[in-house]
Amino acid sequence: EEVARICGELVKEGGFIRIVTQTFIVQLERKKREEQTLLLDNIETQI
């Protein structure tokens, strides 16, 4: 949540900083999904 607030402030810069921030957000989301997938795939409970 705190990272999202920081990124929200960075996006307001516009231009190159906005592009970098959006790219970073995409990377964060991909990392988050990878972590979730890794977690889900390593438990015995069916989900």
ModelCIF file with pLDDT and N, C-alpha, C, O atoms, coordinates in Angstrom:
data_MODEL
#
_entry.id   MODEL 
#
_entity.id                         1 
_entity.type                       polymer 
_entity.pdbx_number_of_molecules   1 
#
_entity_poly.entity_id                      1 
_entity_poly.type                           'polypeptide(L)' 
_entity_poly.nstd_linkage                   no 
_entity_poly.nstd_monomer                   no 
_entity_poly.pdbx_seq_one_letter_code       EEVARICGELVKEGGFIRIVTQTFIVQLERKKREEQTLLLDNIETQI 
_entity_poly.pdbx_seq_one_letter_code_can   EEVARICGELVKEGGFIRIVTQTFIVQLERKKREEQTLLLDNIETQI 
_entity_poly.pdbx_strand_id                 A 
#
loop_
_entity_poly_seq.entity_id 
_entity_poly_seq.num 
_entity_poly_seq.mon_id 
_entity_poly_seq.hetero 
1 1  GLU n 
1 2  GLU n 
1 3  VAL n 
1 4  ALA n 
1 5  ARG n 
1 6  ILE n 
1 7  CYS n 
1 8  GLY n 
1 9  GLU n 
1 10 LEU n 
1 11 VAL n 
1 12 LYS n 
1 13 GLU n 
1 14 GLY n 
1 15 GLY n 
1 16 PHE n 
1 17 ILE n 
1 18 ARG n 
1 19 ILE n 
1 20 VAL n 
1 21 THR n 
1 22 GLN n 
1 23 THR n 
1 24 PHE n 
1 25 ILE n 
1 26 VAL n 
1 27 GLN n 
1 28 LEU n 
1 29 GLU n 
1 30 ARG n 
1 31 LYS n 
1 32 LYS n 
1 33 ARG n 
1 34 GLU n 
1 35 GLU n 
1 36 GLN n 
1 37 THR n 
1 38 LEU n 
1 39 LEU n 
1 40 LEU n 
1 41 ASP n 
1 42 ASN n 
1 43 ILE n 
1 44 GLU n 
1 45 THR n 
1 46 GLN n 
1 47 ILE n 
#
_struct_asym.id          A 
_struct_asym.entity_id   1 
#
loop_
_ma_qa_metric.id 
_ma_qa_metric.mode 
_ma_qa_metric.name 
_ma_qa_metric.software_group_id 
_ma_qa_metric.type 
1 global pLDDT . pLDDT 
2 local  pLDDT . pLDDT 
#
_ma_qa_metric_global.metric_id      1 
_ma_qa_metric_global.metric_value   66.38 
_ma_qa_metric_global.model_id       1 
_ma_qa_metric_global.ordinal_id     1 
#
loop_
_ma_qa_metric_local.label_asym_id 
_ma_qa_metric_local.label_comp_id 
_ma_qa_metric_local.label_seq_id 
_ma_qa_metric_local.metric_id 
_ma_qa_metric_local.metric_value 
_ma_qa_metric_local.model_id 
_ma_qa_metric_local.ordinal_id 
A GLU 1  2 74.00 1 1  
A GLU 2  2 74.00 1 2  
A VAL 3  2 74.00 1 3  
A ALA 4  2 74.00 1 4  
A ARG 5  2 74.00 1 5  
A ILE 6  2 71.00 1 6  
A CYS 7  2 72.00 1 7  
A GLY 8  2 75.00 1 8  
A GLU 9  2 73.00 1 9  
A LEU 10 2 69.00 1 10 
A VAL 11 2 70.00 1 11 
A LYS 12 2 71.00 1 12 
A GLU 13 2 68.00 1 13 
A GLY 14 2 62.00 1 14 
A GLY 15 2 55.00 1 15 
A PHE 16 2 53.00 1 16 
A ILE 17 2 58.00 1 17 
A ARG 18 2 59.00 1 18 
A ILE 19 2 54.00 1 19 
A VAL 20 2 61.00 1 20 
A THR 21 2 59.00 1 21 
A GLN 22 2 60.00 1 22 
A THR 23 2 62.00 1 23 
A PHE 24 2 65.00 1 24 
A ILE 25 2 63.00 1 25 
A VAL 26 2 61.00 1 26 
A GLN 27 2 64.00 1 27 
A LEU 28 2 65.00 1 28 
A GLU 29 2 64.00 1 29 
A ARG 30 2 64.00 1 30 
A LYS 31 2 66.00 1 31 
A LYS 32 2 65.00 1 32 
A ARG 33 2 62.00 1 33 
A GLU 34 2 60.00 1 34 
A GLU 35 2 60.00 1 35 
A GLN 36 2 62.00 1 36 
A THR 37 2 61.00 1 37 
A LEU 38 2 57.00 1 38 
A LEU 39 2 57.00 1 39 
A LEU 40 2 64.00 1 40 
A ASP 41 2 67.00 1 41 
A ASN 42 2 66.00 1 42 
A ILE 43 2 76.00 1 43 
A GLU 44 2 78.00 1 44 
A THR 45 2 84.00 1 45 
A GLN 46 2 84.00 1 46 
A ILE 47 2 83.00 1 47 
#
loop_
_atom_site.group_PDB 
_atom_site.id 
_atom_site.type_symbol 
_atom_site.label_atom_id 
_atom_site.label_alt_id 
_atom_site.label_comp_id 
_atom_site.label_asym_id 
_atom_site.label_entity_id 
_atom_site.label_seq_id 
_atom_site.pdbx_PDB_ins_code 
_atom_site.Cartn_x 
_atom_site.Cartn_y 
_atom_site.Cartn_z 
_atom_site.occupancy 
_atom_site.B_iso_or_equiv 
_atom_site.pdbx_formal_charge 
_atom_site.auth_seq_id 
_atom_site.auth_comp_id 
_atom_site.auth_asym_id 
_atom_site.auth_atom_id 
_atom_site.pdbx_PDB_model_num 
ATOM 1   N N  . GLU A 1 1  ? 0.827  -1.205  0.000   1.00 74.00 ? 1  GLU A N  1 
ATOM 2   C CA . GLU A 1 1  ? 0.000  0.000   0.000   1.00 74.00 ? 1  GLU A CA 1 
ATOM 3   C C  . GLU A 1 1  ? 0.863  1.258   0.000   1.00 74.00 ? 1  GLU A C  1 
ATOM 4   O O  . GLU A 1 1  ? 0.562  2.228   -0.696  1.00 74.00 ? 1  GLU A O  1 
ATOM 5   N N  . GLU A 1 2  ? 1.946  1.235   0.791   1.00 74.00 ? 2  GLU A N  1 
ATOM 6   C CA . GLU A 1 2  ? 2.817  2.404   0.861   1.00 74.00 ? 2  GLU A CA 1 
ATOM 7   C C  . GLU A 1 2  ? 3.559  2.628   -0.451  1.00 74.00 ? 2  GLU A C  1 
ATOM 8   O O  . GLU A 1 2  ? 3.737  3.769   -0.876  1.00 74.00 ? 2  GLU A O  1 
ATOM 9   N N  . VAL A 1 3  ? 3.989  1.552   -1.090  1.00 74.00 ? 3  VAL A N  1 
ATOM 10  C CA . VAL A 1 3  ? 4.658  1.669   -2.389  1.00 74.00 ? 3  VAL A CA 1 
ATOM 11  C C  . VAL A 1 3  ? 3.701  2.284   -3.415  1.00 74.00 ? 3  VAL A C  1 
ATOM 12  O O  . VAL A 1 3  ? 4.104  3.121   -4.223  1.00 74.00 ? 3  VAL A O  1 
ATOM 13  N N  . ALA A 1 4  ? 2.419  1.859   -3.377  1.00 74.00 ? 4  ALA A N  1 
ATOM 14  C CA . ALA A 1 4  ? 1.428  2.397   -4.309  1.00 74.00 ? 4  ALA A CA 1 
ATOM 15  C C  . ALA A 1 4  ? 1.258  3.902   -4.104  1.00 74.00 ? 4  ALA A C  1 
ATOM 16  O O  . ALA A 1 4  ? 1.079  4.634   -5.077  1.00 74.00 ? 4  ALA A O  1 
ATOM 17  N N  . ARG A 1 5  ? 1.309  4.370   -2.879  1.00 74.00 ? 5  ARG A N  1 
ATOM 18  C CA . ARG A 1 5  ? 1.167  5.806   -2.600  1.00 74.00 ? 5  ARG A CA 1 
ATOM 19  C C  . ARG A 1 5  ? 2.373  6.593   -3.110  1.00 74.00 ? 5  ARG A C  1 
ATOM 20  O O  . ARG A 1 5  ? 2.228  7.691   -3.647  1.00 74.00 ? 5  ARG A O  1 
ATOM 21  N N  . ILE A 1 6  ? 3.572  6.013   -2.934  1.00 71.00 ? 6  ILE A N  1 
ATOM 22  C CA . ILE A 1 6  ? 4.794  6.669   -3.442  1.00 71.00 ? 6  ILE A CA 1 
ATOM 23  C C  . ILE A 1 6  ? 4.743  6.757   -4.965  1.00 71.00 ? 6  ILE A C  1 
ATOM 24  O O  . ILE A 1 6  ? 5.040  7.791   -5.562  1.00 71.00 ? 6  ILE A O  1 
ATOM 25  N N  . CYS A 1 7  ? 4.347  5.611   -5.585  1.00 72.00 ? 7  CYS A N  1 
ATOM 26  C CA . CYS A 1 7  ? 4.273  5.602   -7.049  1.00 72.00 ? 7  CYS A CA 1 
ATOM 27  C C  . CYS A 1 7  ? 3.206  6.580   -7.547  1.00 72.00 ? 7  CYS A C  1 
ATOM 28  O O  . CYS A 1 7  ? 3.370  7.210   -8.592  1.00 72.00 ? 7  CYS A O  1 
ATOM 29  N N  . GLY A 1 8  ? 2.127  6.698   -6.800  1.00 75.00 ? 8  GLY A N  1 
ATOM 30  C CA . GLY A 1 8  ? 1.085  7.656   -7.175  1.00 75.00 ? 8  GLY A CA 1 
ATOM 31  C C  . GLY A 1 8  ? 1.614  9.075   -7.211  1.00 75.00 ? 8  GLY A C  1 
ATOM 32  O O  . GLY A 1 8  ? 1.215  9.862   -8.070  1.00 75.00 ? 8  GLY A O  1 
ATOM 33  N N  . GLU A 1 9  ? 2.507  9.414   -6.291  1.00 73.00 ? 9  GLU A N  1 
ATOM 34  C CA . GLU A 1 9  ? 3.119  10.737  -6.280  1.00 73.00 ? 9  GLU A CA 1 
ATOM 35  C C  . GLU A 1 9  ? 4.120  10.886  -7.426  1.00 73.00 ? 9  GLU A C  1 
ATOM 36  O O  . GLU A 1 9  ? 4.214  11.955  -8.029  1.00 73.00 ? 9  GLU A O  1 
ATOM 37  N N  . LEU A 1 10 ? 4.885  9.796   -7.740  1.00 69.00 ? 10 LEU A N  1 
ATOM 38  C CA . LEU A 1 10 ? 5.871  9.849   -8.823  1.00 69.00 ? 10 LEU A CA 1 
ATOM 39  C C  . LEU A 1 10 ? 5.197  10.015  -10.193 1.00 69.00 ? 10 LEU A C  1 
ATOM 40  O O  . LEU A 1 10 ? 5.708  10.707  -11.074 1.00 69.00 ? 10 LEU A O  1 
ATOM 41  N N  . VAL A 1 11 ? 4.025  9.356   -10.349 1.00 70.00 ? 11 VAL A N  1 
ATOM 42  C CA . VAL A 1 11 ? 3.316  9.440   -11.642 1.00 70.00 ? 11 VAL A CA 1 
ATOM 43  C C  . VAL A 1 11 ? 2.930  10.887  -11.952 1.00 70.00 ? 11 VAL A C  1 
ATOM 44  O O  . VAL A 1 11 ? 2.835  11.276  -13.116 1.00 70.00 ? 11 VAL A O  1 
ATOM 45  N N  . LYS A 1 12 ? 2.712  11.665  -10.915 1.00 71.00 ? 12 LYS A N  1 
ATOM 46  C CA . LYS A 1 12 ? 2.303  13.053  -11.122 1.00 71.00 ? 12 LYS A CA 1 
ATOM 47  C C  . LYS A 1 12 ? 3.399  13.898  -11.771 1.00 71.00 ? 12 LYS A C  1 
ATOM 48  O O  . LYS A 1 12 ? 3.114  14.988  -12.266 1.00 71.00 ? 12 LYS A O  1 
ATOM 49  N N  . GLU A 1 13 ? 4.638  13.422  -11.780 1.00 68.00 ? 13 GLU A N  1 
ATOM 50  C CA . GLU A 1 13 ? 5.748  14.173  -12.366 1.00 68.00 ? 13 GLU A CA 1 
ATOM 51  C C  . GLU A 1 13 ? 5.581  14.313  -13.875 1.00 68.00 ? 13 GLU A C  1 
ATOM 52  O O  . GLU A 1 13 ? 6.011  15.301  -14.470 1.00 68.00 ? 13 GLU A O  1 
ATOM 53  N N  . GLY A 1 14 ? 4.939  13.290  -14.496 1.00 62.00 ? 14 GLY A N  1 
ATOM 54  C CA . GLY A 1 14 ? 4.758  13.349  -15.939 1.00 62.00 ? 14 GLY A CA 1 
ATOM 55  C C  . GLY A 1 14 ? 6.053  13.050  -16.694 1.00 62.00 ? 14 GLY A C  1 
ATOM 56  O O  . GLY A 1 14 ? 7.101  12.822  -16.090 1.00 62.00 ? 14 GLY A O  1 
ATOM 57  N N  . GLY A 1 15 ? 5.962  13.057  -17.992 1.00 55.00 ? 15 GLY A N  1 
ATOM 58  C CA . GLY A 1 15 ? 7.130  12.874  -18.849 1.00 55.00 ? 15 GLY A CA 1 
ATOM 59  C C  . GLY A 1 15 ? 7.837  11.560  -18.601 1.00 55.00 ? 15 GLY A C  1 
ATOM 60  O O  . GLY A 1 15 ? 7.213  10.511  -18.437 1.00 55.00 ? 15 GLY A O  1 
ATOM 61  N N  . PHE A 1 16 ? 9.146  11.642  -18.579 1.00 53.00 ? 16 PHE A N  1 
ATOM 62  C CA . PHE A 1 16 ? 9.990  10.461  -18.470 1.00 53.00 ? 16 PHE A CA 1 
ATOM 63  C C  . PHE A 1 16 ? 9.792  9.754   -17.129 1.00 53.00 ? 16 PHE A C  1 
ATOM 64  O O  . PHE A 1 16 ? 9.766  8.525   -17.066 1.00 53.00 ? 16 PHE A O  1 
ATOM 65  N N  . ILE A 1 17 ? 9.652  10.543  -16.052 1.00 58.00 ? 17 ILE A N  1 
ATOM 66  C CA . ILE A 1 17 ? 9.464  9.954   -14.727 1.00 58.00 ? 17 ILE A CA 1 
ATOM 67  C C  . ILE A 1 17 ? 8.157  9.157   -14.687 1.00 58.00 ? 17 ILE A C  1 
ATOM 68  O O  . ILE A 1 17 ? 8.082  8.103   -14.055 1.00 58.00 ? 17 ILE A O  1 
ATOM 69  N N  . ARG A 1 18 ? 7.122  9.676   -15.371 1.00 59.00 ? 18 ARG A N  1 
ATOM 70  C CA . ARG A 1 18 ? 5.823  8.968   -15.409 1.00 59.00 ? 18 ARG A CA 1 
ATOM 71  C C  . ARG A 1 18 ? 5.974  7.611   -16.087 1.00 59.00 ? 18 ARG A C  1 
ATOM 72  O O  . ARG A 1 18 ? 5.430  6.610   -15.622 1.00 59.00 ? 18 ARG A O  1 
ATOM 73  N N  . ILE A 1 19 ? 6.720  7.588   -17.193 1.00 54.00 ? 19 ILE A N  1 
ATOM 74  C CA . ILE A 1 19 ? 6.932  6.335   -17.934 1.00 54.00 ? 19 ILE A CA 1 
ATOM 75  C C  . ILE A 1 19 ? 7.697  5.332   -17.068 1.00 54.00 ? 19 ILE A C  1 
ATOM 76  O O  . ILE A 1 19 ? 7.343  4.156   -16.994 1.00 54.00 ? 19 ILE A O  1 
ATOM 77  N N  . VAL A 1 20 ? 8.752  5.825   -16.417 1.00 61.00 ? 20 VAL A N  1 
ATOM 78  C CA . VAL A 1 20 ? 9.563  4.948   -15.548 1.00 61.00 ? 20 VAL A CA 1 
ATOM 79  C C  . VAL A 1 20 ? 8.695  4.378   -14.426 1.00 61.00 ? 20 VAL A C  1 
ATOM 80  O O  . VAL A 1 20 ? 8.782  3.194   -14.101 1.00 61.00 ? 20 VAL A O  1 
ATOM 81  N N  . THR A 1 21 ? 7.865  5.227   -13.847 1.00 59.00 ? 21 THR A N  1 
ATOM 82  C CA . THR A 1 21 ? 7.009  4.788   -12.730 1.00 59.00 ? 21 THR A CA 1 
ATOM 83  C C  . THR A 1 21 ? 6.018  3.728   -13.176 1.00 59.00 ? 21 THR A C  1 
ATOM 84  O O  . THR A 1 21 ? 5.817  2.720   -12.498 1.00 59.00 ? 21 THR A O  1 
ATOM 85  N N  . GLN A 1 22 ? 5.386  3.975   -14.355 1.00 60.00 ? 22 GLN A N  1 
ATOM 86  C CA . GLN A 1 22 ? 4.414  3.010   -14.848 1.00 60.00 ? 22 GLN A CA 1 
ATOM 87  C C  . GLN A 1 22 ? 5.074  1.665   -15.148 1.00 60.00 ? 22 GLN A C  1 
ATOM 88  O O  . GLN A 1 22 ? 4.515  0.600   -14.888 1.00 60.00 ? 22 GLN A O  1 
ATOM 89  N N  . THR A 1 23 ? 6.292  1.754   -15.708 1.00 62.00 ? 23 THR A N  1 
ATOM 90  C CA . THR A 1 23 ? 7.040  0.511   -15.964 1.00 62.00 ? 23 THR A CA 1 
ATOM 91  C C  . THR A 1 23 ? 7.329  -0.215  -14.654 1.00 62.00 ? 23 THR A C  1 
ATOM 92  O O  . THR A 1 23 ? 7.206  -1.436  -14.568 1.00 62.00 ? 23 THR A O  1 
ATOM 93  N N  . PHE A 1 24 ? 7.708  0.542   -13.653 1.00 65.00 ? 24 PHE A N  1 
ATOM 94  C CA . PHE A 1 24 ? 8.000  -0.037  -12.343 1.00 65.00 ? 24 PHE A CA 1 
ATOM 95  C C  . PHE A 1 24 ? 6.757  -0.705  -11.741 1.00 65.00 ? 24 PHE A C  1 
ATOM 96  O O  . PHE A 1 24 ? 6.836  -1.781  -11.147 1.00 65.00 ? 24 PHE A O  1 
ATOM 97  N N  . ILE A 1 25 ? 5.586  -0.024  -11.913 1.00 63.00 ? 25 ILE A N  1 
ATOM 98  C CA . ILE A 1 25 ? 4.336  -0.582  -11.393 1.00 63.00 ? 25 ILE A CA 1 
ATOM 99  C C  . ILE A 1 25 ? 4.017  -1.913  -12.072 1.00 63.00 ? 25 ILE A C  1 
ATOM 100 O O  . ILE A 1 25 ? 3.598  -2.873  -11.425 1.00 63.00 ? 25 ILE A O  1 
ATOM 101 N N  . VAL A 1 26 ? 4.227  -1.948  -13.401 1.00 61.00 ? 26 VAL A N  1 
ATOM 102 C CA . VAL A 1 26 ? 4.004  -3.201  -14.139 1.00 61.00 ? 26 VAL A CA 1 
ATOM 103 C C  . VAL A 1 26 ? 4.922  -4.297  -13.612 1.00 61.00 ? 26 VAL A C  1 
ATOM 104 O O  . VAL A 1 26 ? 4.495  -5.438  -13.435 1.00 61.00 ? 26 VAL A O  1 
ATOM 105 N N  . GLN A 1 27 ? 6.193  -3.949  -13.358 1.00 64.00 ? 27 GLN A N  1 
ATOM 106 C CA . GLN A 1 27 ? 7.144  -4.933  -12.830 1.00 64.00 ? 27 GLN A CA 1 
ATOM 107 C C  . GLN A 1 27 ? 6.711  -5.435  -11.452 1.00 64.00 ? 27 GLN A C  1 
ATOM 108 O O  . GLN A 1 27 ? 6.822  -6.617  -11.126 1.00 64.00 ? 27 GLN A O  1 
ATOM 109 N N  . LEU A 1 28 ? 6.209  -4.475  -10.652 1.00 65.00 ? 28 LEU A N  1 
ATOM 110 C CA . LEU A 1 28 ? 5.742  -4.865  -9.324  1.00 65.00 ? 28 LEU A CA 1 
ATOM 111 C C  . LEU A 1 28 ? 4.565  -5.837  -9.422  1.00 65.00 ? 28 LEU A C  1 
ATOM 112 O O  . LEU A 1 28 ? 4.516  -6.837  -8.706  1.00 65.00 ? 28 LEU A O  1 
ATOM 113 N N  . GLU A 1 29 ? 3.624  -5.537  -10.308 1.00 64.00 ? 29 GLU A N  1 
ATOM 114 C CA . GLU A 1 29 ? 2.456  -6.403  -10.471 1.00 64.00 ? 29 GLU A CA 1 
ATOM 115 C C  . GLU A 1 29 ? 2.865  -7.786  -10.940 1.00 64.00 ? 29 GLU A C  1 
ATOM 116 O O  . GLU A 1 29 ? 2.345  -8.794  -10.464 1.00 64.00 ? 29 GLU A O  1 
ATOM 117 N N  . ARG A 1 30 ? 3.830  -7.827  -11.905 1.00 64.00 ? 30 ARG A N  1 
ATOM 118 C CA . ARG A 1 30 ? 4.303  -9.125  -12.396 1.00 64.00 ? 30 ARG A CA 1 
ATOM 119 C C  . ARG A 1 30 ? 4.982  -9.913  -11.271 1.00 64.00 ? 30 ARG A C  1 
ATOM 120 O O  . ARG A 1 30 ? 4.770  -11.117 -11.125 1.00 64.00 ? 30 ARG A O  1 
ATOM 121 N N  . LYS A 1 31 ? 5.796  -9.214  -10.481 1.00 66.00 ? 31 LYS A N  1 
ATOM 122 C CA . LYS A 1 31 ? 6.463  -9.861  -9.348  1.00 66.00 ? 31 LYS A CA 1 
ATOM 123 C C  . LYS A 1 31 ? 5.440  -10.376 -8.340  1.00 66.00 ? 31 LYS A C  1 
ATOM 124 O O  . LYS A 1 31 ? 5.579  -11.466 -7.786  1.00 66.00 ? 31 LYS A O  1 
ATOM 125 N N  . LYS A 1 32 ? 4.403  -9.556  -8.119  1.00 65.00 ? 32 LYS A N  1 
ATOM 126 C CA . LYS A 1 32 ? 3.356  -9.953  -7.187  1.00 65.00 ? 32 LYS A CA 1 
ATOM 127 C C  . LYS A 1 32 ? 2.650  -11.216 -7.666  1.00 65.00 ? 32 LYS A C  1 
ATOM 128 O O  . LYS A 1 32 ? 2.409  -12.136 -6.885  1.00 65.00 ? 32 LYS A O  1 
ATOM 129 N N  . ARG A 1 33 ? 2.321  -11.253 -8.960  1.00 62.00 ? 33 ARG A N  1 
ATOM 130 C CA . ARG A 1 33 ? 1.642  -12.428 -9.516  1.00 62.00 ? 33 ARG A CA 1 
ATOM 131 C C  . ARG A 1 33 ? 2.543  -13.653 -9.442  1.00 62.00 ? 33 ARG A C  1 
ATOM 132 O O  . ARG A 1 33 ? 2.077  -14.752 -9.141  1.00 62.00 ? 33 ARG A O  1 
ATOM 133 N N  . GLU A 1 34 ? 3.833  -13.466 -9.714  1.00 60.00 ? 34 GLU A N  1 
ATOM 134 C CA . GLU A 1 34 ? 4.774  -14.589 -9.646  1.00 60.00 ? 34 GLU A CA 1 
ATOM 135 C C  . GLU A 1 34 ? 4.855  -15.151 -8.226  1.00 60.00 ? 34 GLU A C  1 
ATOM 136 O O  . GLU A 1 34 ? 4.890  -16.363 -8.010  1.00 60.00 ? 34 GLU A O  1 
ATOM 137 N N  . GLU A 1 35 ? 4.881  -14.218 -7.264  1.00 60.00 ? 35 GLU A N  1 
ATOM 138 C CA . GLU A 1 35 ? 4.932  -14.655 -5.870  1.00 60.00 ? 35 GLU A CA 1 
ATOM 139 C C  . GLU A 1 35 ? 3.653  -15.386 -5.490  1.00 60.00 ? 35 GLU A C  1 
ATOM 140 O O  . GLU A 1 35 ? 3.696  -16.403 -4.797  1.00 60.00 ? 35 GLU A O  1 
ATOM 141 N N  . GLN A 1 36 ? 2.517  -14.868 -5.944  1.00 62.00 ? 36 GLN A N  1 
ATOM 142 C CA . GLN A 1 36 ? 1.243  -15.518 -5.643  1.00 62.00 ? 36 GLN A CA 1 
ATOM 143 C C  . GLN A 1 36 ? 1.179  -16.901 -6.280  1.00 62.00 ? 36 GLN A C  1 
ATOM 144 O O  . GLN A 1 36 ? 0.740  -17.865 -5.654  1.00 62.00 ? 36 GLN A O  1 
ATOM 145 N N  . THR A 1 37 ? 1.625  -16.986 -7.541  1.00 61.00 ? 37 THR A N  1 
ATOM 146 C CA . THR A 1 37 ? 1.613  -18.273 -8.241  1.00 61.00 ? 37 THR A CA 1 
ATOM 147 C C  . THR A 1 37 ? 2.511  -19.273 -7.544  1.00 61.00 ? 37 THR A C  1 
ATOM 148 O O  . THR A 1 37 ? 2.144  -20.435 -7.365  1.00 61.00 ? 37 THR A O  1 
ATOM 149 N N  . LEU A 1 38 ? 3.705  -18.811 -7.148  1.00 57.00 ? 38 LEU A N  1 
ATOM 150 C CA . LEU A 1 38 ? 4.650  -19.681 -6.446  1.00 57.00 ? 38 LEU A CA 1 
ATOM 151 C C  . LEU A 1 38 ? 4.039  -20.185 -5.140  1.00 57.00 ? 38 LEU A C  1 
ATOM 152 O O  . LEU A 1 38 ? 4.168  -21.354 -4.778  1.00 57.00 ? 38 LEU A O  1 
ATOM 153 N N  . LEU A 1 39 ? 3.374  -19.270 -4.451  1.00 57.00 ? 39 LEU A N  1 
ATOM 154 C CA . LEU A 1 39 ? 2.731  -19.648 -3.192  1.00 57.00 ? 39 LEU A CA 1 
ATOM 155 C C  . LEU A 1 39 ? 1.615  -20.652 -3.434  1.00 57.00 ? 39 LEU A C  1 
ATOM 156 O O  . LEU A 1 39 ? 1.549  -21.681 -2.762  1.00 57.00 ? 39 LEU A O  1 
ATOM 157 N N  . LEU A 1 40 ? 0.739  -20.363 -4.386  1.00 64.00 ? 40 LEU A N  1 
ATOM 158 C CA . LEU A 1 40 ? -0.407 -21.234 -4.645  1.00 64.00 ? 40 LEU A CA 1 
ATOM 159 C C  . LEU A 1 40 ? 0.019  -22.611 -5.127  1.00 64.00 ? 40 LEU A C  1 
ATOM 160 O O  . LEU A 1 40 ? -0.609 -23.615 -4.791  1.00 64.00 ? 40 LEU A O  1 
ATOM 161 N N  . ASP A 1 41 ? 1.096  -22.657 -5.923  1.00 67.00 ? 41 ASP A N  1 
ATOM 162 C CA . ASP A 1 41 ? 1.521  -23.930 -6.505  1.00 67.00 ? 41 ASP A CA 1 
ATOM 163 C C  . ASP A 1 41 ? 2.317  -24.795 -5.532  1.00 67.00 ? 41 ASP A C  1 
ATOM 164 O O  . ASP A 1 41 ? 2.665  -25.931 -5.855  1.00 67.00 ? 41 ASP A O  1 
ATOM 165 N N  . ASN A 1 42 ? 2.603  -24.275 -4.365  1.00 66.00 ? 42 ASN A N  1 
ATOM 166 C CA . ASN A 1 42 ? 3.402  -25.059 -3.411  1.00 66.00 ? 42 ASN A CA 1 
ATOM 167 C C  . ASN A 1 42 ? 2.618  -25.403 -2.143  1.00 66.00 ? 42 ASN A C  1 
ATOM 168 O O  . ASN A 1 42 ? 3.206  -25.666 -1.094  1.00 66.00 ? 42 ASN A O  1 
ATOM 169 N N  . ILE A 1 43 ? 1.306  -25.399 -2.247  1.00 76.00 ? 43 ILE A N  1 
ATOM 170 C CA . ILE A 1 43 ? 0.474  -25.863 -1.145  1.00 76.00 ? 43 ILE A CA 1 
ATOM 171 C C  . ILE A 1 43 ? -0.389 -27.014 -1.636  1.00 76.00 ? 43 ILE A C  1 
ATOM 172 O O  . ILE A 1 43 ? -0.728 -27.086 -2.817  1.00 76.00 ? 43 ILE A O  1 
ATOM 173 N N  . GLU A 1 44 ? -0.745 -27.917 -0.723  1.00 78.00 ? 44 GLU A N  1 
ATOM 174 C CA . GLU A 1 44 ? -1.496 -29.110 -1.092  1.00 78.00 ? 44 GLU A CA 1 
ATOM 175 C C  . GLU A 1 44 ? -2.975 -28.820 -1.313  1.00 78.00 ? 44 GLU A C  1 
ATOM 176 O O  . GLU A 1 44 ? -3.654 -29.560 -2.024  1.00 78.00 ? 44 GLU A O  1 
ATOM 177 N N  . THR A 1 45 ? -3.469 -27.762 -0.717  1.00 84.00 ? 45 THR A N  1 
ATOM 178 C CA . THR A 1 45 ? -4.882 -27.416 -0.898  1.00 84.00 ? 45 THR A CA 1 
ATOM 179 C C  . THR A 1 45 ? -5.145 -27.036 -2.350  1.00 84.00 ? 45 THR A C  1 
ATOM 180 O O  . THR A 1 45 ? -4.374 -26.285 -2.947  1.00 84.00 ? 45 THR A O  1 
ATOM 181 N N  . GLN A 1 46 ? -6.223 -27.548 -2.914  1.00 84.00 ? 46 GLN A N  1 
ATOM 182 C CA . GLN A 1 46 ? -6.597 -27.209 -4.289  1.00 84.00 ? 46 GLN A CA 1 
ATOM 183 C C  . GLN A 1 46 ? -7.282 -25.830 -4.297  1.00 84.00 ? 46 GLN A C  1 
ATOM 184 O O  . GLN A 1 46 ? -8.205 -25.573 -3.524  1.00 84.00 ? 46 GLN A O  1 
ATOM 185 N N  . ILE A 1 47 ? -6.808 -24.964 -5.184  1.00 83.00 ? 47 ILE A N  1 
ATOM 186 C CA . ILE A 1 47 ? -7.367 -23.610 -5.271  1.00 83.00 ? 47 ILE A CA 1 
ATOM 187 C C  . ILE A 1 47 ? -7.702 -23.300 -6.726  1.00 83.00 ? 47 ILE A C  1 
ATOM 188 O O  . ILE A 1 47 ? -8.186 -22.210 -7.030  1.00 83.00 ? 47 ILE A O  1 
#
